[in-house]
Amino acid sequence: MRHLAAYLLLQVGGNASPSAADVKKVLDAVGIEADEERLEKLISELDGKDVAALITEGSNKLASVPSGGAAAASSGGAAAAAGGAAAEEKEEEKKEEEKEESDDDMGFGLFD
């Protein structure tokens, strides 16, 4: 993943065809040692291919994969906002419960 991320950063930065040495420089800059085998495989797999087209193709493939949360997420922005508000309410309730539970010991513990 880190090799691919460095490759994509180089492309966004204007290097249309990053080399293995370019990717190594990026990884070295952040203190990550490059795995030669994986890096060479990545470079050979992406050589001569348009990364934007590969990302679009992959996104289309992922869109066709059924997932449990996709129906709820695609039902609209209002439903998502309502779900977010409900999650916030649950978090507030949990915080309140935690405070109440800590008051039960009345300042001392059983084995103090």
Protein backbone atom coordinates (compact mmCIF):
# COMPACT_ATOMS: atom_id res chain seq x y z
CA MET A 1 0.00 0.00 0.00
CA ARG A 2 2.73 2.45 0.90
CA HIS A 3 4.45 1.84 -2.43
CA LEU A 4 1.25 2.57 -4.30
CA ALA A 5 0.59 5.67 -2.19
CA ALA A 6 4.07 7.01 -2.95
CA TYR A 7 3.58 6.24 -6.66
CA LEU A 8 0.26 8.11 -6.70
CA LEU A 9 1.77 11.07 -4.82
CA LEU A 10 4.47 11.30 -7.46
CA GLN A 11 1.86 11.25 -10.23
CA VAL A 12 -0.21 13.95 -8.56
CA GLY A 13 2.99 15.95 -8.19
CA GLY A 14 3.49 15.93 -11.96
CA ASN A 15 5.65 12.84 -12.58
CA ALA A 16 3.59 10.97 -15.20
CA SER A 17 5.69 7.81 -15.02
CA PRO A 18 7.48 7.45 -11.66
CA SER A 19 10.38 5.02 -11.50
CA ALA A 20 11.32 2.68 -8.68
CA ALA A 21 14.05 5.11 -7.66
CA ASP A 22 11.51 7.95 -7.46
CA VAL A 23 9.23 5.89 -5.22
CA LYS A 24 12.20 4.93 -3.02
CA LYS A 25 13.09 8.61 -2.56
CA VAL A 26 9.57 9.40 -1.37
CA LEU A 27 9.52 6.46 1.03
CA ASP A 28 13.01 7.27 2.34
CA ALA A 29 11.91 10.85 2.99
CA VAL A 30 9.37 9.60 5.53
CA GLY A 31 11.59 6.91 7.01
CA ILE A 32 10.07 3.86 5.30
CA GLU A 33 12.27 1.17 3.79
CA ALA A 34 11.10 0.09 0.33
CA ASP A 35 10.53 -3.60 -0.39
CA GLU A 36 12.39 -4.17 -3.67
CA GLU A 37 10.27 -7.11 -4.81
CA ARG A 38 6.92 -5.39 -4.23
CA LEU A 39 8.15 -2.13 -5.69
CA GLU A 40 9.39 -3.78 -8.89
CA LYS A 41 6.09 -5.65 -9.24
CA LEU A 42 4.12 -2.41 -8.80
CA ILE A 43 6.22 -0.57 -11.37
CA SER A 44 5.90 -3.42 -13.88
CA GLU A 45 2.13 -3.70 -13.36
CA LEU A 46 1.54 0.03 -13.82
CA ASP A 47 4.03 0.53 -16.66
CA GLY A 48 2.27 2.15 -19.62
CA LYS A 49 -1.15 2.26 -17.96
CA ASP A 50 -3.27 5.29 -17.13
CA VAL A 51 -3.73 5.27 -13.36
CA ALA A 52 -6.86 7.44 -13.54
CA ALA A 53 -8.48 4.87 -15.85
CA LEU A 54 -7.46 2.04 -13.50
CA ILE A 55 -9.01 3.86 -10.53
CA THR A 56 -12.24 4.44 -12.47
CA GLU A 57 -12.35 0.80 -13.53
CA GLY A 58 -11.77 -0.34 -9.95
CA SER A 59 -14.46 2.00 -8.62
CA ASN A 60 -16.97 0.57 -11.10
CA LYS A 61 -16.09 -2.95 -9.99
CA LEU A 62 -16.49 -2.01 -6.32
CA ALA A 63 -19.84 -0.38 -7.02
CA SER A 64 -21.19 -3.71 -8.27
CA VAL A 65 -20.15 -5.57 -5.11
CA PRO A 66 -23.08 -5.96 -2.72
CA SER A 67 -22.50 -4.77 0.81
CA GLY A 68 -24.71 -4.52 3.85
CA GLY A 69 -24.37 -0.77 4.34
CA ALA A 70 -24.76 0.31 0.73
CA ALA A 71 -28.57 0.44 0.76
CA ALA A 72 -28.69 2.72 3.77
CA ALA A 73 -25.94 4.96 2.43
CA SER A 74 -27.57 5.34 -0.97
CA SER A 75 -31.01 6.20 0.43
CA GLY A 76 -30.24 9.91 0.47
CA GLY A 77 -28.52 12.69 2.33
CA ALA A 78 -31.40 13.28 4.74
CA ALA A 79 -31.29 9.72 5.96
CA ALA A 80 -27.54 9.93 6.43
CA ALA A 81 -27.91 13.15 8.40
CA ALA A 82 -30.61 11.58 10.57
CA GLY A 83 -28.40 8.55 11.15
CA GLY A 84 -25.55 10.83 12.18
CA ALA A 85 -27.79 12.64 14.67
CA ALA A 86 -28.92 9.33 16.14
CA ALA A 87 -25.30 8.23 16.53
CA GLU A 88 -24.48 11.47 18.34
CA GLU A 89 -27.41 10.94 20.71
CA LYS A 90 -26.21 7.42 21.50
CA GLU A 91 -22.72 8.72 22.23
CA GLU A 92 -24.16 11.35 24.59
CA GLU A 93 -26.22 8.68 26.36
CA LYS A 94 -23.15 6.49 26.80
CA LYS A 95 -21.20 9.41 28.27
CA GLU A 96 -24.02 10.13 30.70
CA GLU A 97 -24.20 6.46 31.72
CA GLU A 98 -20.45 6.37 32.32
CA LYS A 99 -20.73 9.41 34.59
CA GLU A 100 -23.59 7.84 36.53
CA GLU A 101 -21.71 4.58 36.97
CA SER A 102 -18.68 6.37 38.37
CA ASP A 103 -20.91 8.03 41.00
CA ASP A 104 -22.08 4.63 42.28
CA ASP A 105 -18.86 3.99 44.21
CA MET A 106 -19.38 7.21 46.26
CA GLY A 107 -15.70 8.04 46.33
CA PHE A 108 -14.32 4.80 47.70
CA GLY A 109 -13.73 1.33 46.37
CA LEU A 110 -14.45 -2.03 47.89
CA PHE A 111 -10.77 -2.89 48.37
CA ASP A 112 -9.33 0.55 49.24
